[in-house]
Amino acid sequence: MDDDMTREEKRRDQLTSAPDATEADADARVVVSSVDGATRVDIAPGADVRPGPGPGMPAADNEEQVVD
């Protein structure tokens, strides 16, 4: 990577350099906001990938509760 690249350019370059990667792979997945000194991180509304069990998994369907 080039040292003259911005952090965002480096991120996009890394996320799109894998075989079969697309520009969509570099789309934002989180939204960071700050209010009164508190930082909040939310999943971006258009994020294709989300944390947690995927659809069809028992925990996602509330059939089984996951306890850490």
PDB file of N, CA and C in Angstrom:
ATOM      1  N   MET A   1       0.830  -1.194   0.000  1.00  0.00           N
ATOM      2  CA  MET A   1       0.000   0.000   0.000  1.00  0.00           C
ATOM      3  C   MET A   1       0.868   1.250   0.000  1.00  0.00           C
ATOM      4  N   ASP A   2       0.328   2.273  -0.528  1.00  0.00           N
ATOM      5  CA  ASP A   2       1.044   3.540  -0.648  1.00  0.00           C
ATOM      6  C   ASP A   2       0.876   4.349   0.637  1.00  0.00           C
ATOM      7  N   ASP A   3       1.972   4.922   1.139  1.00  0.00           N
ATOM      8  CA  ASP A   3       1.916   5.727   2.360  1.00  0.00           C
ATOM      9  C   ASP A   3       1.137   7.015   2.158  1.00  0.00           C
ATOM     10  N   ASP A   4       0.929   7.434   0.905  1.00  0.00           N
ATOM     11  CA  ASP A   4       0.192   8.661   0.624  1.00  0.00           C
ATOM     12  C   ASP A   4      -1.322   8.448   0.619  1.00  0.00           C
ATOM     13  N   MET A   5      -1.759   7.226   0.786  1.00  0.00           N
ATOM     14  CA  MET A   5      -3.198   6.933   0.779  1.00  0.00           C
ATOM     15  C   MET A   5      -3.821   7.321   2.110  1.00  0.00           C
ATOM     16  N   THR A   6      -5.062   7.780   2.063  1.00  0.00           N
ATOM     17  CA  THR A   6      -5.786   8.081   3.300  1.00  0.00           C
ATOM     18  C   THR A   6      -6.214   6.777   3.961  1.00  0.00           C
ATOM     19  N   ARG A   7      -6.658   6.869   5.177  1.00  0.00           N
ATOM     20  CA  ARG A   7      -7.122   5.679   5.890  1.00  0.00           C
ATOM     21  C   ARG A   7      -8.277   5.017   5.135  1.00  0.00           C
ATOM     22  N   GLU A   8      -9.213   5.823   4.634  1.00  0.00           N
ATOM     23  CA  GLU A   8     -10.351   5.292   3.880  1.00  0.00           C
ATOM     24  C   GLU A   8      -9.896   4.624   2.583  1.00  0.00           C
ATOM     25  N   GLU A   9      -8.931   5.226   1.897  1.00  0.00           N
ATOM     26  CA  GLU A   9      -8.405   4.631   0.662  1.00  0.00           C
ATOM     27  C   GLU A   9      -7.707   3.299   0.947  1.00  0.00           C
ATOM     28  N   LYS A  10      -6.958   3.231   2.037  1.00  0.00           N
ATOM     29  CA  LYS A  10      -6.295   1.984   2.420  1.00  0.00           C
ATOM     30  C   LYS A  10      -7.317   0.906   2.745  1.00  0.00           C
ATOM     31  N   ARG A  11      -8.378   1.292   3.463  1.00  0.00           N
ATOM     32  CA  ARG A  11      -9.441   0.344   3.828  1.00  0.00           C
ATOM     33  C   ARG A  11     -10.104  -0.209   2.574  1.00  0.00           C
ATOM     34  N   ARG A  12     -10.496   0.682   1.667  1.00  0.00           N
ATOM     35  CA  ARG A  12     -11.153   0.269   0.420  1.00  0.00           C
ATOM     36  C   ARG A  12     -10.226  -0.628  -0.395  1.00  0.00           C
ATOM     37  N   ASP A  13      -8.952  -0.267  -0.488  1.00  0.00           N
ATOM     38  CA  ASP A  13      -7.974  -1.053  -1.244  1.00  0.00           C
ATOM     39  C   ASP A  13      -7.862  -2.457  -0.665  1.00  0.00           C
ATOM     40  N   GLN A  14      -7.792  -2.558   0.647  1.00  0.00           N
ATOM     41  CA  GLN A  14      -7.658  -3.870   1.285  1.00  0.00           C
ATOM     42  C   GLN A  14      -8.907  -4.714   1.089  1.00  0.00           C
ATOM     43  N   LEU A  15     -10.095  -4.097   1.226  1.00  0.00           N
ATOM     44  CA  LEU A  15     -11.341  -4.858   1.128  1.00  0.00           C
ATOM     45  C   LEU A  15     -11.706  -5.244  -0.300  1.00  0.00           C
ATOM     46  N   THR A  16     -11.132  -4.583  -1.277  1.00  0.00           N
ATOM     47  CA  THR A  16     -11.458  -4.910  -2.669  1.00  0.00           C
ATOM     48  C   THR A  16     -10.340  -5.656  -3.386  1.00  0.00           C
ATOM     49  N   SER A  17      -9.259  -5.983  -2.695  1.00  0.00           N
ATOM     50  CA  SER A  17      -8.121  -6.640  -3.344  1.00  0.00           C
ATOM     51  C   SER A  17      -8.230  -8.164  -3.372  1.00  0.00           C
ATOM     52  N   ALA A  18      -9.154  -8.741  -2.626  1.00  0.00           N
ATOM     53  CA  ALA A  18      -9.309 -10.197  -2.610  1.00  0.00           C
ATOM     54  C   ALA A  18      -9.911 -10.681  -3.934  1.00  0.00           C
ATOM     55  N   PRO A  19      -9.615 -11.929  -4.314  1.00  0.00           N
ATOM     56  CA  PRO A  19     -10.234 -12.465  -5.530  1.00  0.00           C
ATOM     57  C   PRO A  19     -11.762 -12.411  -5.414  1.00  0.00           C
ATOM     58  N   ASP A  20     -12.432 -12.064  -6.467  1.00  0.00           N
ATOM     59  CA  ASP A  20     -13.895 -11.973  -6.538  1.00  0.00           C
ATOM     60  C   ASP A  20     -14.485 -10.847  -5.691  1.00  0.00           C
ATOM     61  N   ALA A  21     -13.661  -9.959  -5.144  1.00  0.00           N
ATOM     62  CA  ALA A  21     -14.171  -8.830  -4.351  1.00  0.00           C
ATOM     63  C   ALA A  21     -14.813  -7.803  -5.275  1.00  0.00           C
ATOM     64  N   THR A  22     -15.800  -7.095  -4.736  1.00  0.00           N
ATOM     65  CA  THR A  22     -16.466  -6.037  -5.491  1.00  0.00           C
ATOM     66  C   THR A  22     -16.399  -4.742  -4.681  1.00  0.00           C
ATOM     67  N   GLU A  23     -16.780  -3.641  -5.304  1.00  0.00           N
ATOM     68  CA  GLU A  23     -16.815  -2.358  -4.595  1.00  0.00           C
ATOM     69  C   GLU A  23     -17.769  -2.417  -3.408  1.00  0.00           C
ATOM     70  N   ALA A  24     -18.820  -3.219  -3.503  1.00  0.00           N
ATOM     71  CA  ALA A  24     -19.790  -3.344  -2.416  1.00  0.00           C
ATOM     72  C   ALA A  24     -19.149  -3.918  -1.147  1.00  0.00           C
ATOM     73  N   ASP A  25     -18.067  -4.685  -1.298  1.00  0.00           N
ATOM     74  CA  ASP A  25     -17.387  -5.250  -0.133  1.00  0.00           C
ATOM     75  C   ASP A  25     -16.790  -4.164   0.751  1.00  0.00           C
ATOM     76  N   ALA A  26     -16.548  -2.993   0.190  1.00  0.00           N
ATOM     77  CA  ALA A  26     -15.947  -1.889   0.942  1.00  0.00           C
ATOM     78  C   ALA A  26     -16.990  -0.923   1.495  1.00  0.00           C
ATOM     79  N   ASP A  27     -18.276  -1.208   1.265  1.00  0.00           N
ATOM     80  CA  ASP A  27     -19.328  -0.332   1.794  1.00  0.00           C
ATOM     81  C   ASP A  27     -19.288  -0.294   3.320  1.00  0.00           C
ATOM     82  N   ALA A  28     -19.689   0.825   3.874  1.00  0.00           N
ATOM     83  CA  ALA A  28     -19.713   0.977   5.334  1.00  0.00           C
ATOM     84  C   ALA A  28     -20.700  -0.016   5.950  1.00  0.00           C
ATOM     85  N   ARG A  29     -20.304  -0.601   7.054  1.00  0.00           N
ATOM     86  CA  ARG A  29     -21.166  -1.555   7.758  1.00  0.00           C
ATOM     87  C   ARG A  29     -21.636  -1.013   9.105  1.00  0.00           C
ATOM     88  N   VAL A  30     -21.012   0.074   9.550  1.00  0.00           N
ATOM     89  CA  VAL A  30     -21.390   0.687  10.816  1.00  0.00           C
ATOM     90  C   VAL A  30     -21.522   2.190  10.646  1.00  0.00           C
ATOM     91  N   VAL A  31     -22.284   2.790  11.552  1.00  0.00           N
ATOM     92  CA  VAL A  31     -22.443   4.239  11.609  1.00  0.00           C
ATOM     93  C   VAL A  31     -21.997   4.667  12.996  1.00  0.00           C
ATOM     94  N   VAL A  32     -21.026   5.569  13.068  1.00  0.00           N
ATOM     95  CA  VAL A  32     -20.501   6.027  14.356  1.00  0.00           C
ATOM     96  C   VAL A  32     -20.981   7.454  14.585  1.00  0.00           C
ATOM     97  N   SER A  33     -21.556   7.688  15.765  1.00  0.00           N
ATOM     98  CA  SER A  33     -21.993   9.038  16.110  1.00  0.00           C
ATOM     99  C   SER A  33     -21.525   9.353  17.529  1.00  0.00           C
ATOM    100  N   SER A  34     -21.473  10.646  17.841  1.00  0.00           N
ATOM    101  CA  SER A  34     -21.035  11.076  19.159  1.00  0.00           C
ATOM    102  C   SER A  34     -21.975  12.168  19.649  1.00  0.00           C
ATOM    103  N   VAL A  35     -22.527  11.965  20.855  1.00  0.00           N
ATOM    104  CA  VAL A  35     -23.435  12.939  21.457  1.00  0.00           C
ATOM    105  C   VAL A  35     -23.018  13.138  22.907  1.00  0.00           C
ATOM    106  N   ASP A  36     -22.761  14.365  23.274  1.00  0.00           N
ATOM    107  CA  ASP A  36     -22.380  14.707  24.649  1.00  0.00           C
ATOM    108  C   ASP A  36     -21.223  13.855  25.166  1.00  0.00           C
ATOM    109  N   GLY A  37     -20.247  13.599  24.301  1.00  0.00           N
ATOM    110  CA  GLY A  37     -19.066  12.850  24.716  1.00  0.00           C
ATOM    111  C   GLY A  37     -19.233  11.345  24.683  1.00  0.00           C
ATOM    112  N   ALA A  38     -20.431  10.842  24.409  1.00  0.00           N
ATOM    113  CA  ALA A  38     -20.664   9.403  24.327  1.00  0.00           C
ATOM    114  C   ALA A  38     -20.609   8.979  22.860  1.00  0.00           C
ATOM    115  N   THR A  39     -19.889   7.907  22.582  1.00  0.00           N
ATOM    116  CA  THR A  39     -19.782   7.401  21.219  1.00  0.00           C
ATOM    117  C   THR A  39     -20.731   6.232  21.053  1.00  0.00           C
ATOM    118  N   ARG A  40     -21.483   6.257  19.952  1.00  0.00           N
ATOM    119  CA  ARG A  40     -22.439   5.193  19.666  1.00  0.00           C
ATOM    120  C   ARG A  40     -22.074   4.582  18.319  1.00  0.00           C
ATOM    121  N   VAL A  41     -22.057   3.252  18.259  1.00  0.00           N
ATOM    122  CA  VAL A  41     -21.767   2.526  17.027  1.00  0.00           C
ATOM    123  C   VAL A  41     -22.991   1.681  16.702  1.00  0.00           C
ATOM    124  N   ASP A  42     -23.588   1.935  15.538  1.00  0.00           N
ATOM    125  CA  ASP A  42     -24.773   1.197  15.097  1.00  0.00           C
ATOM    126  C   ASP A  42     -24.473   0.483  13.786  1.00  0.00           C
ATOM    127  N   ILE A  43     -25.200  -0.583  13.528  1.00  0.00           N
ATOM    128  CA  ILE A  43     -25.099  -1.284  12.257  1.00  0.00           C
ATOM    129  C   ILE A  43     -25.729  -0.388  11.188  1.00  0.00           C
ATOM    130  N   ALA A  44     -25.046  -0.195  10.079  1.00  0.00           N
ATOM    131  CA  ALA A  44     -25.555   0.642   8.994  1.00  0.00           C
ATOM    132  C   ALA A  44     -26.848   0.032   8.446  1.00  0.00           C
ATOM    133  N   PRO A  45     -27.844   0.863   8.143  1.00  0.00           N
ATOM    134  CA  PRO A  45     -29.127   0.346   7.645  1.00  0.00           C
ATOM    135  C   PRO A  45     -28.981  -0.548   6.413  1.00  0.00           C
ATOM    136  N   GLY A  46     -28.052  -0.255   5.523  1.00  0.00           N
ATOM    137  CA  GLY A  46     -27.901  -1.046   4.308  1.00  0.00           C
ATOM    138  C   GLY A  46     -26.858  -2.137   4.380  1.00  0.00           C
ATOM    139  N   ALA A  47     -26.351  -2.429   5.577  1.00  0.00           N
ATOM    140  CA  ALA A  47     -25.292  -3.437   5.716  1.00  0.00           C
ATOM    141  C   ALA A  47     -25.809  -4.824   5.351  1.00  0.00           C
ATOM    142  N   ASP A  48     -25.103  -5.489   4.439  1.00  0.00           N
ATOM    143  CA  ASP A  48     -25.490  -6.844   4.044  1.00  0.00           C
ATOM    144  C   ASP A  48     -25.107  -7.868   5.099  1.00  0.00           C
ATOM    145  N   VAL A  49     -24.061  -7.580   5.849  1.00  0.00           N
ATOM    146  CA  VAL A  49     -23.559  -8.501   6.858  1.00  0.00           C
ATOM    147  C   VAL A  49     -23.830  -7.904   8.227  1.00  0.00           C
ATOM    148  N   ARG A  50     -24.424  -8.679   9.120  1.00  0.00           N
ATOM    149  CA  ARG A  50     -24.768  -8.202  10.455  1.00  0.00           C
ATOM    150  C   ARG A  50     -24.251  -9.191  11.496  1.00  0.00           C
ATOM    151  N   PRO A  51     -23.957  -8.714  12.692  1.00  0.00           N
ATOM    152  CA  PRO A  51     -23.489  -9.619  13.737  1.00  0.00           C
ATOM    153  C   PRO A  51     -24.615 -10.524  14.221  1.00  0.00           C
ATOM    154  N   GLY A  52     -24.244 -11.625  14.785  1.00  0.00           N
ATOM    155  CA  GLY A  52     -25.233 -12.536  15.353  1.00  0.00           C
ATOM    156  C   GLY A  52     -25.521 -13.701  14.431  1.00  0.00           C
ATOM    157  N   PRO A  53     -26.405 -14.584  14.861  1.00  0.00           N
ATOM    158  CA  PRO A  53     -26.739 -15.764  14.065  1.00  0.00           C
ATOM    159  C   PRO A  53     -27.481 -15.358  12.789  1.00  0.00           C
ATOM    160  N   GLY A  54     -27.264 -16.113  11.754  1.00  0.00           N
ATOM    161  CA  GLY A  54     -27.913 -15.820  10.482  1.00  0.00           C
ATOM    162  C   GLY A  54     -29.337 -16.344  10.434  1.00  0.00           C
ATOM    163  N   PRO A  55     -30.090 -15.927   9.436  1.00  0.00           N
ATOM    164  CA  PRO A  55     -31.464 -16.403   9.271  1.00  0.00           C
ATOM    165  C   PRO A  55     -31.501 -17.926   9.212  1.00  0.00           C
ATOM    166  N   GLY A  56     -32.476 -18.508   9.846  1.00  0.00           N
ATOM    167  CA  GLY A  56     -32.609 -19.955   9.870  1.00  0.00           C
ATOM    168  C   GLY A  56     -31.877 -20.625  11.011  1.00  0.00           C
ATOM    169  N   MET A  57     -31.009 -19.885  11.691  1.00  0.00           N
ATOM    170  CA  MET A  57     -30.321 -20.443  12.856  1.00  0.00           C
ATOM    171  C   MET A  57     -31.286 -20.409  14.031  1.00  0.00           C
ATOM    172  N   PRO A  58     -31.268 -21.428  14.881  1.00  0.00           N
ATOM    173  CA  PRO A  58     -32.232 -21.461  15.993  1.00  0.00           C
ATOM    174  C   PRO A  58     -32.227 -20.194  16.850  1.00  0.00           C
ATOM    175  N   ALA A  59     -31.069 -19.656  17.151  1.00  0.00           N
ATOM    176  CA  ALA A  59     -31.004 -18.456  17.991  1.00  0.00           C
ATOM    177  C   ALA A  59     -31.629 -17.256  17.284  1.00  0.00           C
ATOM    178  N   ALA A  60     -31.550 -17.214  15.966  1.00  0.00           N
ATOM    179  CA  ALA A  60     -32.126 -16.103  15.210  1.00  0.00           C
ATOM    180  C   ALA A  60     -33.644 -16.193  15.204  1.00  0.00           C
ATOM    181  N   ASP A  61     -34.159 -17.399  15.296  1.00  0.00           N
ATOM    182  CA  ASP A  61     -35.603 -17.616  15.277  1.00  0.00           C
ATOM    183  C   ASP A  61     -36.195 -17.687  16.678  1.00  0.00           C
ATOM    184  N   ASN A  62     -35.394 -17.333  17.694  1.00  0.00           N
ATOM    185  CA  ASN A  62     -35.809 -17.360  19.099  1.00  0.00           C
ATOM    186  C   ASN A  62     -36.230 -18.740  19.579  1.00  0.00           C
ATOM    187  N   GLU A  63     -35.771 -19.792  18.890  1.00  0.00           N
ATOM    188  CA  GLU A  63     -36.054 -21.145  19.335  1.00  0.00           C
ATOM    189  C   GLU A  63     -35.064 -21.575  20.417  1.00  0.00           C
ATOM    190  N   GLU A  64     -33.921 -20.953  20.422  1.00  0.00           N
ATOM    191  CA  GLU A  64     -32.867 -21.298  21.363  1.00  0.00           C
ATOM    192  C   GLU A  64     -32.191 -20.020  21.810  1.00  0.00           C
ATOM    193  N   GLN A  65     -32.051 -19.844  23.114  1.00  0.00           N
ATOM    194  CA  GLN A  65     -31.405 -18.636  23.615  1.00  0.00           C
ATOM    195  C   GLN A  65     -29.924 -18.903  23.789  1.00  0.00           C
ATOM    196  N   VAL A  66     -29.098 -17.994  23.269  1.00  0.00           N
ATOM    197  CA  VAL A  66     -27.657 -18.122  23.390  1.00  0.00           C
ATOM    198  C   VAL A  66     -27.204 -17.340  24.612  1.00  0.00           C
ATOM    199  N   VAL A  67     -26.477 -18.018  25.517  1.00  0.00           N
ATOM    200  CA  VAL A  67     -25.978 -17.385  26.735  1.00  0.00           C
ATOM    201  C   VAL A  67     -24.468 -17.474  26.721  1.00  0.00           C
ATOM    202  N   ASP A  68     -23.818 -16.333  26.884  1.00  0.00           N
ATOM    203  CA  ASP A  68     -22.361 -16.303  26.919  1.00  0.00           C
ATOM    204  C   ASP A  68     -21.855 -16.556  28.317  1.00  0.00           C
TER     205      ASP A  68
END
